[in-house]
Structures are given as structure tokens and as C-alpha cells.
Amino acid sequence: MGFRVPEDISICGFTNGDRSKACDPLLTTVDQRGTQVGKKAAEILIGLVEGSLPMDKTVHGMVRTSLVIRGTTR
């Protein structure tokens, strides 16, 4: 379509995997911190199984993400 990245259009991916560093220009991404998300989910699951967290209520957790700015955004 003739768009130039990042001059005409910005592109942002989501996961910050190896592919984001293997393109030209390098892809701006959101780092989801997947390992931390998995650890938090495991902590909640273990708490439910062991009874330290209530089974009848929703358990919330938060893992902060970060924006990794690279060549596909200005």
C-alpha cells in the first residue's frame, strides 16, 4: 500500500519474542513478562488447592507490562 514504517504508520507487536528482534526495522512490542504471569498463576492455583485462598471468590493478580520501543514506532 506504499506506507513507510515508522514514517507513515507505526506498528506494535505483543509478546517481545525473538521475532521482534529479527526484522528490519526492529519491532516495537509490549513485554508481557510471561514467566512472571506463569508464576503468579501457579501461586494462585497452589493457594486454591492448599486451601489458603477461597474457592468461592475470584482471585486477582497483576503483573506489570512494559513497552519496548524499537524501530517501528516514533
PDB file of N, CA and C in Angstrom:
ATOM      1  N   MET A   1       0.826  -1.197   0.000  1.00  0.00           N
ATOM      2  CA  MET A   1       0.000   0.000   0.000  1.00  0.00           C
ATOM      3  C   MET A   1       0.873   1.265   0.000  1.00  0.00           C
ATOM      4  N   GLY A   2       2.178   1.080   0.081  1.00  0.00           N
ATOM      5  CA  GLY A   2       3.064   2.233  -0.005  1.00  0.00           C
ATOM      6  C   GLY A   2       3.350   2.937   1.307  1.00  0.00           C
ATOM      7  N   PHE A   3       2.885   2.423   2.418  1.00  0.00           N
ATOM      8  CA  PHE A   3       3.171   3.044   3.706  1.00  0.00           C
ATOM      9  C   PHE A   3       4.622   2.799   4.102  1.00  0.00           C
ATOM     10  N   ARG A   4       5.218   3.781   4.754  1.00  0.00           N
ATOM     11  CA  ARG A   4       6.573   3.639   5.276  1.00  0.00           C
ATOM     12  C   ARG A   4       6.488   3.507   6.797  1.00  0.00           C
ATOM     13  N   VAL A   5       7.244   2.539   7.320  1.00  0.00           N
ATOM     14  CA  VAL A   5       7.283   2.308   8.764  1.00  0.00           C
ATOM     15  C   VAL A   5       8.598   2.867   9.287  1.00  0.00           C
ATOM     16  N   PRO A   6       8.624   3.725  10.258  1.00  0.00           N
ATOM     17  CA  PRO A   6       7.542   4.293  11.052  1.00  0.00           C
ATOM     18  C   PRO A   6       7.080   5.664  10.581  1.00  0.00           C
ATOM     19  N   GLU A   7       7.550   6.121   9.425  1.00  0.00           N
ATOM     20  CA  GLU A   7       7.222   7.476   8.981  1.00  0.00           C
ATOM     21  C   GLU A   7       5.725   7.693   8.785  1.00  0.00           C
ATOM     22  N   ASP A   8       5.046   6.745   8.154  1.00  0.00           N
ATOM     23  CA  ASP A   8       3.615   6.907   7.850  1.00  0.00           C
ATOM     24  C   ASP A   8       2.704   6.146   8.806  1.00  0.00           C
ATOM     25  N   ILE A   9       3.193   5.040   9.312  1.00  0.00           N
ATOM     26  CA  ILE A   9       2.378   4.171  10.170  1.00  0.00           C
ATOM     27  C   ILE A   9       3.287   3.520  11.210  1.00  0.00           C
ATOM     28  N   SER A  10       2.801   3.404  12.435  1.00  0.00           N
ATOM     29  CA  SER A  10       3.543   2.722  13.499  1.00  0.00           C
ATOM     30  C   SER A  10       2.970   1.327  13.693  1.00  0.00           C
ATOM     31  N   ILE A  11       3.819   0.400  14.059  1.00  0.00           N
ATOM     32  CA  ILE A  11       3.401  -0.982  14.286  1.00  0.00           C
ATOM     33  C   ILE A  11       3.942  -1.424  15.644  1.00  0.00           C
ATOM     34  N   CYS A  12       3.076  -2.076  16.412  1.00  0.00           N
ATOM     35  CA  CYS A  12       3.476  -2.581  17.724  1.00  0.00           C
ATOM     36  C   CYS A  12       3.003  -4.015  17.864  1.00  0.00           C
ATOM     37  N   GLY A  13       3.899  -4.888  18.255  1.00  0.00           N
ATOM     38  CA  GLY A  13       3.558  -6.284  18.499  1.00  0.00           C
ATOM     39  C   GLY A  13       3.300  -6.523  19.974  1.00  0.00           C
ATOM     40  N   PHE A  14       2.999  -7.767  20.308  1.00  0.00           N
ATOM     41  CA  PHE A  14       2.659  -8.089  21.682  1.00  0.00           C
ATOM     42  C   PHE A  14       3.282  -9.422  22.045  1.00  0.00           C
ATOM     43  N   THR A  15       4.295  -9.440  22.813  1.00  0.00           N
ATOM     44  CA  THR A  15       4.985 -10.590  23.420  1.00  0.00           C
ATOM     45  C   THR A  15       6.477 -10.375  23.558  1.00  0.00           C
ATOM     46  N   ASN A  16       7.089  -9.526  22.775  1.00  0.00           N
ATOM     47  CA  ASN A  16       8.521  -9.246  22.862  1.00  0.00           C
ATOM     48  C   ASN A  16       9.368 -10.499  22.680  1.00  0.00           C
ATOM     49  N   GLY A  17       8.969 -11.363  21.774  1.00  0.00           N
ATOM     50  CA  GLY A  17       9.734 -12.569  21.494  1.00  0.00           C
ATOM     51  C   GLY A  17      10.910 -12.305  20.573  1.00  0.00           C
ATOM     52  N   ASP A  18      11.616 -13.371  20.237  1.00  0.00           N
ATOM     53  CA  ASP A  18      12.805 -13.259  19.387  1.00  0.00           C
ATOM     54  C   ASP A  18      12.499 -12.677  18.016  1.00  0.00           C
ATOM     55  N   ARG A  19      11.331 -12.944  17.494  1.00  0.00           N
ATOM     56  CA  ARG A  19      10.991 -12.443  16.155  1.00  0.00           C
ATOM     57  C   ARG A  19      10.952 -10.926  16.102  1.00  0.00           C
ATOM     58  N   SER A  20      10.644 -10.287  17.220  1.00  0.00           N
ATOM     59  CA  SER A  20      10.600  -8.825  17.229  1.00  0.00           C
ATOM     60  C   SER A  20      11.986  -8.226  17.040  1.00  0.00           C
ATOM     61  N   LYS A  21      13.020  -9.018  17.315  1.00  0.00           N
ATOM     62  CA  LYS A  21      14.401  -8.549  17.174  1.00  0.00           C
ATOM     63  C   LYS A  21      15.041  -9.054  15.889  1.00  0.00           C
ATOM     64  N   ALA A  22      14.268  -9.771  15.080  1.00  0.00           N
ATOM     65  CA  ALA A  22      14.813 -10.377  13.862  1.00  0.00           C
ATOM     66  C   ALA A  22      14.195  -9.785  12.609  1.00  0.00           C
ATOM     67  N   CYS A  23      13.720  -8.559  12.670  1.00  0.00           N
ATOM     68  CA  CYS A  23      13.133  -7.932  11.495  1.00  0.00           C
ATOM     69  C   CYS A  23      13.746  -6.545  11.310  1.00  0.00           C
ATOM     70  N   ASP A  24      13.505  -5.976  10.179  1.00  0.00           N
ATOM     71  CA  ASP A  24      14.042  -4.652   9.889  1.00  0.00           C
ATOM     72  C   ASP A  24      12.919  -3.772   9.352  1.00  0.00           C
ATOM     73  N   PRO A  25      12.517  -2.728  10.055  1.00  0.00           N
ATOM     74  CA  PRO A  25      13.080  -2.265  11.323  1.00  0.00           C
ATOM     75  C   PRO A  25      12.654  -3.159  12.483  1.00  0.00           C
ATOM     76  N   LEU A  26      13.405  -3.071  13.588  1.00  0.00           N
ATOM     77  CA  LEU A  26      13.072  -3.859  14.774  1.00  0.00           C
ATOM     78  C   LEU A  26      11.676  -3.485  15.264  1.00  0.00           C
ATOM     79  N   LEU A  27      10.909  -4.481  15.714  1.00  0.00           N
ATOM     80  CA  LEU A  27       9.505  -4.302  16.070  1.00  0.00           C
ATOM     81  C   LEU A  27       9.333  -3.812  17.509  1.00  0.00           C
ATOM     82  N   THR A  28       8.625  -2.699  17.665  1.00  0.00           N
ATOM     83  CA  THR A  28       8.216  -2.238  18.993  1.00  0.00           C
ATOM     84  C   THR A  28       7.217  -3.254  19.535  1.00  0.00           C
ATOM     85  N   THR A  29       7.344  -3.622  20.811  1.00  0.00           N
ATOM     86  CA  THR A  29       6.457  -4.631  21.394  1.00  0.00           C
ATOM     87  C   THR A  29       6.073  -4.282  22.824  1.00  0.00           C
ATOM     88  N   VAL A  30       5.112  -5.029  23.336  1.00  0.00           N
ATOM     89  CA  VAL A  30       4.768  -4.996  24.751  1.00  0.00           C
ATOM     90  C   VAL A  30       5.381  -6.238  25.383  1.00  0.00           C
ATOM     91  N   ASP A  31       6.200  -6.039  26.404  1.00  0.00           N
ATOM     92  CA  ASP A  31       6.789  -7.168  27.120  1.00  0.00           C
ATOM     93  C   ASP A  31       5.786  -7.617  28.177  1.00  0.00           C
ATOM     94  N   GLN A  32       5.197  -8.785  27.982  1.00  0.00           N
ATOM     95  CA  GLN A  32       4.146  -9.290  28.868  1.00  0.00           C
ATOM     96  C   GLN A  32       4.691  -9.962  30.121  1.00  0.00           C
ATOM     97  N   ARG A  33       5.982 -10.240  30.151  1.00  0.00           N
ATOM     98  CA  ARG A  33       6.618 -10.931  31.277  1.00  0.00           C
ATOM     99  C   ARG A  33       5.913 -12.264  31.547  1.00  0.00           C
ATOM    100  N   GLY A  34       5.927 -13.099  30.519  1.00  0.00           N
ATOM    101  CA  GLY A  34       5.222 -14.378  30.562  1.00  0.00           C
ATOM    102  C   GLY A  34       5.633 -15.277  31.706  1.00  0.00           C
ATOM    103  N   THR A  35       6.909 -15.282  32.069  1.00  0.00           N
ATOM    104  CA  THR A  35       7.369 -16.115  33.186  1.00  0.00           C
ATOM    105  C   THR A  35       6.712 -15.663  34.480  1.00  0.00           C
ATOM    106  N   GLN A  36       6.648 -14.354  34.695  1.00  0.00           N
ATOM    107  CA  GLN A  36       6.009 -13.837  35.913  1.00  0.00           C
ATOM    108  C   GLN A  36       4.515 -14.133  35.926  1.00  0.00           C
ATOM    109  N   VAL A  37       3.874 -14.059  34.764  1.00  0.00           N
ATOM    110  CA  VAL A  37       2.447 -14.395  34.674  1.00  0.00           C
ATOM    111  C   VAL A  37       2.248 -15.858  35.066  1.00  0.00           C
ATOM    112  N   GLY A  38       3.097 -16.744  34.562  1.00  0.00           N
ATOM    113  CA  GLY A  38       3.009 -18.166  34.905  1.00  0.00           C
ATOM    114  C   GLY A  38       3.224 -18.416  36.380  1.00  0.00           C
ATOM    115  N   LYS A  39       4.217 -17.737  36.976  1.00  0.00           N
ATOM    116  CA  LYS A  39       4.476 -17.897  38.414  1.00  0.00           C
ATOM    117  C   LYS A  39       3.282 -17.438  39.238  1.00  0.00           C
ATOM    118  N   LYS A  40       2.711 -16.301  38.862  1.00  0.00           N
ATOM    119  CA  LYS A  40       1.541 -15.776  39.589  1.00  0.00           C
ATOM    120  C   LYS A  40       0.364 -16.738  39.473  1.00  0.00           C
ATOM    121  N   ALA A  41       0.142 -17.275  38.279  1.00  0.00           N
ATOM    122  CA  ALA A  41      -0.950 -18.230  38.081  1.00  0.00           C
ATOM    123  C   ALA A  41      -0.718 -19.493  38.910  1.00  0.00           C
ATOM    124  N   ALA A  42       0.526 -19.960  38.969  1.00  0.00           N
ATOM    125  CA  ALA A  42       0.844 -21.144  39.767  1.00  0.00           C
ATOM    126  C   ALA A  42       0.629 -20.877  41.250  1.00  0.00           C
ATOM    127  N   GLU A  43       1.026 -19.686  41.731  1.00  0.00           N
ATOM    128  CA  GLU A  43       0.808 -19.326  43.139  1.00  0.00           C
ATOM    129  C   GLU A  43      -0.682 -19.352  43.480  1.00  0.00           C
ATOM    130  N   ILE A  44      -1.499 -18.796  42.594  1.00  0.00           N
ATOM    131  CA  ILE A  44      -2.943 -18.774  42.836  1.00  0.00           C
ATOM    132  C   ILE A  44      -3.500 -20.195  42.836  1.00  0.00           C
ATOM    133  N   LEU A  45      -3.104 -20.998  41.873  1.00  0.00           N
ATOM    134  CA  LEU A  45      -3.583 -22.382  41.792  1.00  0.00           C
ATOM    135  C   LEU A  45      -3.183 -23.183  43.033  1.00  0.00           C
ATOM    136  N   ILE A  46      -1.942 -23.036  43.450  1.00  0.00           N
ATOM    137  CA  ILE A  46      -1.474 -23.746  44.652  1.00  0.00           C
ATOM    138  C   ILE A  46      -2.258 -23.278  45.873  1.00  0.00           C
ATOM    139  N   GLY A  47      -2.497 -21.965  45.970  1.00  0.00           N
ATOM    140  CA  GLY A  47      -3.283 -21.439  47.084  1.00  0.00           C
ATOM    141  C   GLY A  47      -4.690 -21.999  47.113  1.00  0.00           C
ATOM    142  N   LEU A  48      -5.297 -22.159  45.946  1.00  0.00           N
ATOM    143  CA  LEU A  48      -6.635 -22.741  45.874  1.00  0.00           C
ATOM    144  C   LEU A  48      -6.618 -24.210  46.284  1.00  0.00           C
ATOM    145  N   VAL A  49      -5.635 -24.960  45.797  1.00  0.00           N
ATOM    146  CA  VAL A  49      -5.550 -26.388  46.104  1.00  0.00           C
ATOM    147  C   VAL A  49      -5.245 -26.612  47.584  1.00  0.00           C
ATOM    148  N   GLU A  50      -4.355 -25.805  48.150  1.00  0.00           N
ATOM    149  CA  GLU A  50      -3.974 -25.969  49.557  1.00  0.00           C
ATOM    150  C   GLU A  50      -4.983 -25.357  50.524  1.00  0.00           C
ATOM    151  N   GLY A  51      -5.919 -24.577  50.006  1.00  0.00           N
ATOM    152  CA  GLY A  51      -6.956 -24.006  50.859  1.00  0.00           C
ATOM    153  C   GLY A  51      -6.612 -22.657  51.472  1.00  0.00           C
ATOM    154  N   SER A  52      -5.490 -22.058  51.104  1.00  0.00           N
ATOM    155  CA  SER A  52      -5.153 -20.744  51.658  1.00  0.00           C
ATOM    156  C   SER A  52      -5.867 -19.612  50.911  1.00  0.00           C
ATOM    157  N   LEU A  53      -6.459 -19.921  49.777  1.00  0.00           N
ATOM    158  CA  LEU A  53      -7.282 -18.966  49.035  1.00  0.00           C
ATOM    159  C   LEU A  53      -8.692 -19.538  48.906  1.00  0.00           C
ATOM    160  N   PRO A  54      -9.706 -18.687  48.999  1.00  0.00           N
ATOM    161  CA  PRO A  54     -11.087 -19.178  48.941  1.00  0.00           C
ATOM    162  C   PRO A  54     -11.478 -19.645  47.539  1.00  0.00           C
ATOM    163  N   MET A  55     -12.129 -20.791  47.482  1.00  0.00           N
ATOM    164  CA  MET A  55     -12.577 -21.342  46.200  1.00  0.00           C
ATOM    165  C   MET A  55     -13.806 -20.613  45.647  1.00  0.00           C
ATOM    166  N   ASP A  56     -14.548 -19.928  46.514  1.00  0.00           N
ATOM    167  CA  ASP A  56     -15.801 -19.311  46.091  1.00  0.00           C
ATOM    168  C   ASP A  56     -15.656 -17.836  45.702  1.00  0.00           C
ATOM    169  N   LYS A  57     -14.415 -17.340  45.628  1.00  0.00           N
ATOM    170  CA  LYS A  57     -14.190 -15.948  45.257  1.00  0.00           C
ATOM    171  C   LYS A  57     -13.143 -15.873  44.159  1.00  0.00           C
ATOM    172  N   THR A  58     -13.260 -14.835  43.357  1.00  0.00           N
ATOM    173  CA  THR A  58     -12.287 -14.610  42.291  1.00  0.00           C
ATOM    174  C   THR A  58     -11.004 -14.058  42.886  1.00  0.00           C
ATOM    175  N   VAL A  59      -9.888 -14.599  42.457  1.00  0.00           N
ATOM    176  CA  VAL A  59      -8.585 -14.127  42.921  1.00  0.00           C
ATOM    177  C   VAL A  59      -7.967 -13.299  41.797  1.00  0.00           C
ATOM    178  N   HIS A  60      -7.533 -12.108  42.144  1.00  0.00           N
ATOM    179  CA  HIS A  60      -6.935 -11.216  41.157  1.00  0.00           C
ATOM    180  C   HIS A  60      -5.430 -11.115  41.388  1.00  0.00           C
ATOM    181  N   GLY A  61      -4.717 -10.963  40.317  1.00  0.00           N
ATOM    182  CA  GLY A  61      -3.279 -10.724  40.392  1.00  0.00           C
ATOM    183  C   GLY A  61      -2.876  -9.790  39.273  1.00  0.00           C
ATOM    184  N   MET A  62      -1.748  -9.133  39.434  1.00  0.00           N
ATOM    185  CA  MET A  62      -1.308  -8.212  38.402  1.00  0.00           C
ATOM    186  C   MET A  62       0.189  -8.383  38.163  1.00  0.00           C
ATOM    187  N   VAL A  63       0.549  -8.418  36.906  1.00  0.00           N
ATOM    188  CA  VAL A  63       1.943  -8.400  36.500  1.00  0.00           C
ATOM    189  C   VAL A  63       2.086  -7.212  35.553  1.00  0.00           C
ATOM    190  N   ARG A  64       2.939  -6.299  35.895  1.00  0.00           N
ATOM    191  CA  ARG A  64       3.099  -5.093  35.080  1.00  0.00           C
ATOM    192  C   ARG A  64       3.797  -5.418  33.765  1.00  0.00           C
ATOM    193  N   THR A  65       3.331  -4.805  32.708  1.00  0.00           N
ATOM    194  CA  THR A  65       3.944  -4.941  31.401  1.00  0.00           C
ATOM    195  C   THR A  65       4.804  -3.708  31.133  1.00  0.00           C
ATOM    196  N   SER A  66       5.567  -3.748  30.071  1.00  0.00           N
ATOM    197  CA  SER A  66       6.335  -2.562  29.682  1.00  0.00           C
ATOM    198  C   SER A  66       6.390  -2.484  28.163  1.00  0.00           C
ATOM    199  N   LEU A  67       6.475  -1.277  27.674  1.00  0.00           N
ATOM    200  CA  LEU A  67       6.559  -1.039  26.250  1.00  0.00           C
ATOM    201  C   LEU A  67       8.034  -1.001  25.864  1.00  0.00           C
ATOM    202  N   VAL A  68       8.419  -1.833  24.896  1.00  0.00           N
ATOM    203  CA  VAL A  68       9.802  -1.873  24.412  1.00  0.00           C
ATOM    204  C   VAL A  68       9.810  -1.165  23.059  1.00  0.00           C
ATOM    205  N   ILE A  69      10.268   0.068  23.065  1.00  0.00           N
ATOM    206  CA  ILE A  69      10.215   0.880  21.863  1.00  0.00           C
ATOM    207  C   ILE A  69      11.419   0.566  20.980  1.00  0.00           C
ATOM    208  N   ARG A  70      11.105   0.209  19.740  1.00  0.00           N
ATOM    209  CA  ARG A  70      12.148  -0.082  18.759  1.00  0.00           C
ATOM    210  C   ARG A  70      11.847   0.709  17.488  1.00  0.00           C
ATOM    211  N   GLY A  71      12.248   0.195  16.365  1.00  0.00           N
ATOM    212  CA  GLY A  71      12.222   0.957  15.125  1.00  0.00           C
ATOM    213  C   GLY A  71      10.895   1.118  14.418  1.00  0.00           C
ATOM    214  N   THR A  72       9.816   0.463  14.855  1.00  0.00           N
ATOM    215  CA  THR A  72       8.553   0.556  14.129  1.00  0.00           C
ATOM    216  C   THR A  72       7.599   1.599  14.689  1.00  0.00           C
ATOM    217  N   THR A  73       8.074   2.384  15.641  1.00  0.00           N
ATOM    218  CA  THR A  73       7.264   3.486  16.172  1.00  0.00           C
ATOM    219  C   THR A  73       8.141   4.712  16.332  1.00  0.00           C
ATOM    220  N   ARG A  74       7.483   5.852  16.397  1.00  0.00           N
ATOM    221  CA  ARG A  74       8.216   7.101  16.616  1.00  0.00           C
ATOM    222  C   ARG A  74       7.899   7.649  17.959  1.00  0.00           C
TER     223      ARG A  74
END
